[in-house]
Structures are given as C-alpha cells and as structure tokens.
Amino acid sequence: MDPQGAVFAANRATGTVRLGVGLREGAGRHTQSCRTHVFEEGSLRVRFPNPVRPSPALDAVLVNTAGGIAGGDRSDIDIAVEEGASVRVTTSSAEKVYRATGAPAHMQVRLTVGRGGNLAWMPREMILFDRARLARTIDVDLADDARLLLAEAVVFGRTGMDEAVHEGWFSDRWRVRRAGRLVYAETMRLDGAIAQTLREPAVAGGGVAVAVILLMPADEAFVAALRGCEGLRGEVGASSWNGITAVRFCAPDGESLRYDLATALPLALDGPLPPLWLN
C-alpha cells in the first residue's frame, strides 16, 4: 500500500454496538425491559436516557462519536430482544454520509426479536452528500409472534443549504425473516447520476427525501389512521399484505419528510415519539 493509502486506511472510523434487552422484575413486582448486555467499540456508543414517564419499554439511543460517515468507515450494530422484552432504538442526530474518493463506507445492522418481543427501530434520517458512497445491510430475525416497527429515512442533500446530490453510490439491502422464513426483501441501488435517477417519475419524481415504515404484524388501523391524515407535505402510500404493512414516503426536502414521519410514527407506536427524535 502506498503511504497516502496507508494514512487514509489508518484514519478510518470503525464502530461496533451489541445490545441485549430482556425482562427483569422492577418496583412493585412489575416487569420491565432493561439492558442485559452492552458492548461498545470504536466510534459507536449506546445510551439510555431516563424516561419522562414510566414505560414498559426501554429507550436506547445510538451515538456516532465520529460525527459522520466517510469513505472506508465501518459500522456494525447488533441488537437482540429477548422473550417478552420491548425496546425503542433511535439515534442522537441525523447521520451524515460525506463524499468519498475511494472505498465506500459499510454499515451492517442485525436485529433479532424473540417470542413476544417488540422492537421499534427508528433512527433519525440519514443525509447523503454529493459523491457519497455507502453500502448498508439490515438483517432482521423475528420469532413467530414478535413485533417489529422499522422506520428508515434517506435524504439526498440538504436543500435548505442549497446542497444537491448529483452523483454517488448507495446500496441498501434489507432482509426480514420470521421463524426462519424469508418474508420481506428489499434492495435499492443508486449508482452514478443519482439526481437524474431521482427525477424519473417511477423513482421519486424529483423528490430528494424518501422513507419506509415497515410493521409486522400488519396494522390496518394504522393504515386507516394515516390515510385520514390531512396536511402531509409529501407523497405517502400504504398497503398491507401477508401480515406486513409497508408505508412509503417521498418528499421534496428533508424538512417535509421529517414532518410526515413525525405525523405517522406516533400512530404506528400508539404513543409519543422518543424526545430525542424530535430535536
């Protein structure tokens, strides 16, 4: 490796978080969810803010101390929810993915939910800058009666700061299994002229902010409530099939997308958003 390449490799951020969540007996013999195992390494941390009000679910907040993601960085997140336990996971801020001149950044997320468990995975939006390069995989393993809310949002450039993503490379692969059987698969890949691709009517019709909310099992009441919402700022489409509800969002900018998600997520959670999500 040439000297410049060696210096570049030595300065890449790597981070790992492994979190286990289980049920424990709390005050008054009421069971509550708590962390059973926490491992942190490198640039990733996980914190547990004190709840504003008592809740059977645990709130966890992921923090990237590197301040963003650059080419060649690696993130590895593994969350396991034990039988009957419940956790809501978010991030301390929007994740920024910066321009890369060489190797892409890699992000791997593994989520496991045991019998009767409940996981809400709802990080803040991910913002891609022009010429960013990122490969992400999300693998979910659910027990036959586990519950999942998975919400992911991607913003291509901060329009409020006159930023645009003209080119780049983004690969996003999701796989969800229930009781070992593949029930949901999704892959998005944008390569080269991203702005031109997003302008296509069948892609985003000129929108630069997209998101997906995935619910398992399906929730028709949530779909009906969302369809009854007025004043949403972007396009929203919801459908349910084979025990799955999927909602797709497409908005002209990140602020509009956040508004629509902040409207939809409390309906899916049947309760308020984590306070940090609203910062």
Protein backbone atom coordinates (compact mmCIF):
# COMPACT_ATOMS: atom_id res chain seq x y z
CA MET A 1 0.00 0.00 0.00
CA ASP A 2 1.31 3.45 -0.90
CA PRO A 3 2.00 5.88 2.01
CA GLN A 4 -1.03 8.04 1.23
CA GLY A 5 -3.28 4.99 1.13
CA ALA A 6 -1.84 3.71 4.42
CA VAL A 7 -2.57 7.03 6.13
CA PHE A 8 -6.13 7.01 4.73
CA ALA A 9 -6.76 3.46 5.97
CA ALA A 10 -5.38 4.22 9.42
CA ASN A 11 -7.78 7.14 9.83
CA ARG A 12 -10.99 5.28 9.01
CA ALA A 13 -13.62 5.14 11.75
CA THR A 14 -14.89 1.74 12.85
CA GLY A 15 -17.62 1.24 15.41
CA THR A 16 -19.50 -1.65 16.99
CA VAL A 17 -22.50 -1.81 19.29
CA ARG A 18 -24.02 -5.03 20.60
CA LEU A 19 -27.07 -4.66 22.80
CA GLY A 20 -29.17 -7.28 24.56
CA VAL A 21 -32.57 -6.40 26.04
CA GLY A 22 -34.52 -8.61 28.44
CA LEU A 23 -37.27 -8.58 31.04
CA ARG A 24 -36.50 -8.05 34.71
CA GLU A 25 -38.67 -7.56 37.77
CA GLY A 26 -38.87 -3.91 38.80
CA ALA A 27 -40.53 -1.97 41.59
CA GLY A 28 -43.85 -3.31 42.75
CA ARG A 29 -43.07 -6.66 41.11
CA HIS A 30 -43.84 -5.20 37.71
CA THR A 31 -41.65 -6.50 34.94
CA GLN A 32 -39.83 -4.01 32.76
CA SER A 33 -37.39 -4.15 29.89
CA CYS A 34 -33.75 -3.44 30.64
CA ARG A 35 -30.35 -3.93 29.06
CA THR A 36 -28.81 -7.33 29.72
CA HIS A 37 -25.66 -6.93 27.65
CA VAL A 38 -23.88 -3.89 26.23
CA PHE A 39 -20.71 -3.91 24.14
CA GLU A 40 -19.26 -0.77 22.58
CA GLU A 41 -16.15 -0.37 20.48
CA GLY A 42 -14.66 2.38 18.36
CA SER A 43 -16.81 5.30 17.28
CA LEU A 44 -20.24 3.90 18.25
CA ARG A 45 -21.92 4.27 21.64
CA VAL A 46 -25.38 3.46 23.00
CA ARG A 47 -27.04 5.48 25.75
CA PHE A 48 -30.24 5.00 27.76
CA PRO A 49 -31.98 8.28 28.67
CA ASN A 50 -34.20 8.36 31.72
CA PRO A 51 -37.83 8.11 30.60
CA VAL A 52 -40.09 11.12 31.03
CA ARG A 53 -42.79 8.77 32.30
CA PRO A 54 -42.73 5.10 33.40
CA SER A 55 -42.79 2.77 30.43
CA PRO A 56 -42.51 -1.00 29.99
CA ALA A 57 -40.22 -0.38 27.00
CA LEU A 58 -36.56 0.55 27.12
CA ASP A 59 -35.33 3.54 25.08
CA ALA A 60 -31.87 3.25 23.52
CA VAL A 61 -30.01 6.00 21.64
CA LEU A 62 -27.13 5.27 19.26
CA VAL A 63 -24.36 7.87 19.10
CA ASN A 64 -21.68 8.11 16.40
CA THR A 65 -18.77 9.96 18.02
CA ALA A 66 -17.02 10.24 14.64
CA GLY A 67 -19.50 12.97 13.72
CA GLY A 68 -20.49 11.35 10.43
CA ILE A 69 -19.58 8.62 7.97
CA ALA A 70 -16.78 8.91 5.43
CA GLY A 71 -15.47 6.56 2.74
CA GLY A 72 -13.94 3.41 4.19
CA ASP A 73 -15.68 3.73 7.58
CA ARG A 74 -17.40 0.66 9.05
CA SER A 75 -20.34 0.40 11.46
CA ASP A 76 -21.65 -2.83 12.99
CA ILE A 77 -24.84 -2.80 15.09
CA ASP A 78 -26.36 -5.92 16.65
CA ILE A 79 -29.49 -5.71 18.81
CA ALA A 80 -31.14 -8.78 20.38
CA VAL A 81 -34.51 -8.56 22.15
CA GLU A 82 -35.29 -11.45 24.47
CA GLU A 83 -38.68 -13.08 25.01
CA GLY A 84 -41.35 -10.58 26.03
CA ALA A 85 -39.00 -7.59 26.15
CA SER A 86 -39.54 -4.28 24.36
CA VAL A 87 -37.12 -1.60 23.12
CA ARG A 88 -37.24 1.56 21.02
CA VAL A 89 -33.99 2.45 19.27
CA THR A 90 -33.19 5.81 17.74
CA THR A 91 -30.12 7.96 17.11
CA SER A 92 -28.91 11.16 18.72
CA SER A 93 -28.98 13.07 15.44
CA ALA A 94 -29.28 12.69 11.69
CA GLU A 95 -26.40 10.63 10.29
CA LYS A 96 -24.34 12.40 7.64
CA VAL A 97 -22.58 10.43 4.91
CA TYR A 98 -19.81 12.51 3.34
CA ARG A 99 -18.16 12.50 -0.06
CA ALA A 100 -15.86 9.52 -0.64
CA THR A 101 -12.95 9.49 -3.03
CA GLY A 102 -12.26 5.77 -2.82
CA ALA A 103 -13.76 2.83 -0.96
CA PRO A 104 -17.38 3.09 0.19
CA ALA A 105 -18.46 3.13 3.80
CA HIS A 106 -20.11 -0.03 5.12
CA MET A 107 -22.95 -0.28 7.64
CA GLN A 108 -24.30 -3.59 8.90
CA VAL A 109 -27.39 -3.82 11.13
CA ARG A 110 -28.64 -7.07 12.68
CA LEU A 111 -31.90 -7.12 14.65
CA THR A 112 -33.22 -10.19 16.48
CA VAL A 113 -36.54 -10.32 18.36
CA GLY A 114 -37.60 -13.28 20.49
CA ARG A 115 -41.07 -14.64 21.24
CA GLY A 116 -43.47 -11.94 22.34
CA GLY A 117 -40.75 -9.31 21.95
CA ASN A 118 -41.21 -5.85 20.48
CA LEU A 119 -38.62 -3.76 18.63
CA ALA A 120 -39.08 -0.26 17.23
CA TRP A 121 -36.05 0.62 15.08
CA MET A 122 -36.45 4.28 14.16
CA PRO A 123 -33.18 6.18 13.66
CA ARG A 124 -33.16 9.80 12.58
CA GLU A 125 -32.78 10.40 8.85
CA MET A 126 -29.56 9.64 7.01
CA ILE A 127 -28.26 12.53 4.87
CA LEU A 128 -26.13 11.69 1.84
CA PHE A 129 -23.81 14.35 0.47
CA ASP A 130 -22.74 14.66 -3.14
CA ARG A 131 -20.49 11.77 -4.23
CA ALA A 132 -21.12 9.83 -1.04
CA ARG A 133 -20.54 6.08 -1.23
CA LEU A 134 -22.33 3.76 1.20
CA ALA A 135 -23.29 0.09 1.35
CA ARG A 136 -25.81 -0.81 4.06
CA THR A 137 -27.41 -4.13 5.02
CA ILE A 138 -30.25 -4.63 7.50
CA ASP A 139 -30.99 -8.22 8.55
CA VAL A 140 -33.94 -8.93 10.86
CA ASP A 141 -34.84 -12.25 12.50
CA LEU A 142 -38.25 -12.39 14.20
CA ALA A 143 -39.85 -15.10 16.30
CA ASP A 144 -43.26 -16.21 15.07
CA ASP A 145 -45.15 -13.76 17.31
CA ALA A 146 -42.59 -10.95 17.63
CA ARG A 147 -43.50 -7.38 16.71
CA LEU A 148 -41.41 -5.05 14.56
CA LEU A 149 -41.56 -1.38 13.60
CA LEU A 150 -38.75 -0.47 11.23
CA ALA A 151 -38.53 3.13 10.01
CA GLU A 152 -35.67 4.35 7.81
CA ALA A 153 -35.33 7.69 6.02
CA VAL A 154 -32.75 8.88 3.48
CA VAL A 155 -32.27 12.48 2.35
CA PHE A 156 -30.19 13.22 -0.75
CA GLY A 157 -28.64 16.59 0.08
CA ARG A 158 -29.78 19.40 2.35
CA THR A 159 -31.95 21.55 0.11
CA GLY A 160 -32.24 24.20 2.82
CA MET A 161 -28.49 24.80 2.41
CA ASP A 162 -28.63 24.64 -1.42
CA GLU A 163 -26.93 21.25 -1.43
CA ALA A 164 -27.70 18.59 -4.01
CA VAL A 165 -26.52 15.05 -4.66
CA HIS A 166 -25.56 14.92 -8.32
CA GLU A 167 -23.55 11.71 -8.24
CA GLY A 168 -22.77 8.94 -5.81
CA TRP A 169 -23.25 5.28 -4.95
CA PHE A 170 -25.77 3.92 -2.47
CA SER A 171 -26.66 0.28 -1.91
CA ASP A 172 -29.33 -0.59 0.68
CA ARG A 173 -30.29 -4.23 1.25
CA TRP A 174 -33.00 -5.35 3.71
CA ARG A 175 -33.97 -8.92 4.60
CA VAL A 176 -36.61 -9.85 7.20
CA ARG A 177 -37.23 -13.41 8.37
CA ARG A 178 -39.99 -14.69 10.62
CA ALA A 179 -39.42 -18.04 12.32
CA GLY A 180 -36.52 -18.55 9.93
CA ARG A 181 -38.55 -17.95 6.75
CA LEU A 182 -37.83 -15.01 4.46
CA VAL A 183 -40.96 -12.79 4.47
CA TYR A 184 -39.67 -9.44 3.21
CA ALA A 185 -36.81 -8.46 0.93
CA GLU A 186 -35.92 -5.06 -0.47
CA THR A 187 -32.86 -3.76 -2.26
CA MET A 188 -32.22 -0.24 -3.51
CA ARG A 189 -29.16 0.69 -5.53
CA LEU A 190 -28.38 4.12 -6.90
CA ASP A 191 -25.19 4.44 -8.92
CA GLY A 192 -23.73 7.32 -10.88
CA ALA A 193 -26.11 10.16 -11.77
CA ILE A 194 -28.34 9.99 -8.67
CA ALA A 195 -30.05 13.34 -9.29
CA GLN A 196 -31.09 12.26 -12.77
CA THR A 197 -32.43 8.95 -11.45
CA LEU A 198 -34.45 10.64 -8.70
CA ARG A 199 -36.12 12.86 -11.29
CA GLU A 200 -37.63 9.83 -13.03
CA PRO A 201 -41.42 9.61 -12.41
CA ALA A 202 -41.17 5.93 -11.47
CA VAL A 203 -38.42 6.64 -8.92
CA ALA A 204 -39.02 9.83 -6.91
CA GLY A 205 -40.47 12.28 -9.44
CA GLY A 206 -37.97 14.92 -8.41
CA GLY A 207 -38.21 14.27 -4.66
CA VAL A 208 -34.97 14.09 -2.72
CA ALA A 209 -36.17 12.58 0.57
CA VAL A 210 -37.59 9.07 0.94
CA ALA A 211 -38.56 6.80 3.81
CA VAL A 212 -40.15 3.45 4.62
CA ILE A 213 -42.11 2.36 7.67
CA LEU A 214 -42.43 -1.41 7.98
CA LEU A 215 -44.80 -3.02 10.52
CA MET A 216 -45.05 -6.69 11.40
CA PRO A 217 -47.66 -7.91 12.07
CA ALA A 218 -49.77 -5.79 9.75
CA ASP A 219 -51.73 -2.92 11.28
CA GLU A 220 -54.81 -1.94 9.29
CA ALA A 221 -55.87 0.56 11.96
CA PHE A 222 -52.60 2.42 11.43
CA VAL A 223 -53.10 2.44 7.67
CA ALA A 224 -56.63 3.81 8.06
CA ALA A 225 -55.49 6.49 10.51
CA LEU A 226 -52.63 7.54 8.23
CA ARG A 227 -54.91 7.76 5.21
CA GLY A 228 -57.14 10.07 7.22
CA CYS A 229 -54.31 12.50 8.00
CA GLU A 230 -54.55 15.88 6.35
CA GLY A 231 -51.73 18.27 5.53
CA LEU A 232 -48.99 15.76 4.76
CA ARG A 233 -46.30 17.52 2.75
CA GLY A 234 -45.11 14.72 0.50
CA GLU A 235 -46.48 11.63 -1.22
CA VAL A 236 -47.43 8.72 1.04
CA GLY A 237 -48.54 5.25 0.01
CA ALA A 238 -49.56 2.49 2.43
CA SER A 239 -50.50 -1.14 1.88
CA SER A 240 -50.81 -4.38 3.83
CA TRP A 241 -50.39 -7.99 2.71
CA ASN A 242 -49.43 -11.35 4.22
CA GLY A 243 -49.15 -9.94 7.73
CA ILE A 244 -46.99 -6.96 6.70
CA THR A 245 -47.75 -3.25 6.49
CA ALA A 246 -45.43 -1.05 4.43
CA VAL A 247 -45.66 2.72 4.07
CA ARG A 248 -43.50 4.64 1.60
CA PHE A 249 -42.81 8.35 1.77
CA CYS A 250 -41.41 10.67 -0.88
CA ALA A 251 -40.95 14.38 -0.17
CA PRO A 252 -39.38 17.40 -1.89
CA ASP A 253 -36.96 18.01 1.00
CA GLY A 254 -35.80 16.65 4.34
CA GLU A 255 -37.92 19.02 6.44
CA SER A 256 -41.11 17.89 4.72
CA LEU A 257 -40.16 14.25 5.16
CA ARG A 258 -39.49 14.74 8.88
CA TYR A 259 -42.88 16.40 9.27
CA ASP A 260 -44.65 13.46 7.60
CA LEU A 261 -42.72 10.91 9.65
CA ALA A 262 -43.41 12.82 12.87
CA THR A 263 -47.09 12.60 11.96
CA ALA A 264 -47.06 8.91 11.05
CA LEU A 265 -44.76 7.36 13.67
CA PRO A 266 -46.86 8.20 16.76
CA LEU A 267 -49.78 6.46 15.04
CA ALA A 268 -47.62 3.38 14.49
CA LEU A 269 -46.23 3.49 18.03
CA ASP A 270 -49.64 4.26 19.54
CA GLY A 271 -47.83 6.80 21.69
CA PRO A 272 -45.37 9.73 21.60
CA LEU A 273 -42.02 9.69 19.84
CA PRO A 274 -38.82 9.47 21.90
CA PRO A 275 -37.91 13.06 22.91
CA LEU A 276 -34.54 12.94 21.12
CA TRP A 277 -36.26 12.09 17.84
CA LEU A 278 -37.94 15.48 17.87
CA ASN A 279 -34.78 17.54 18.50
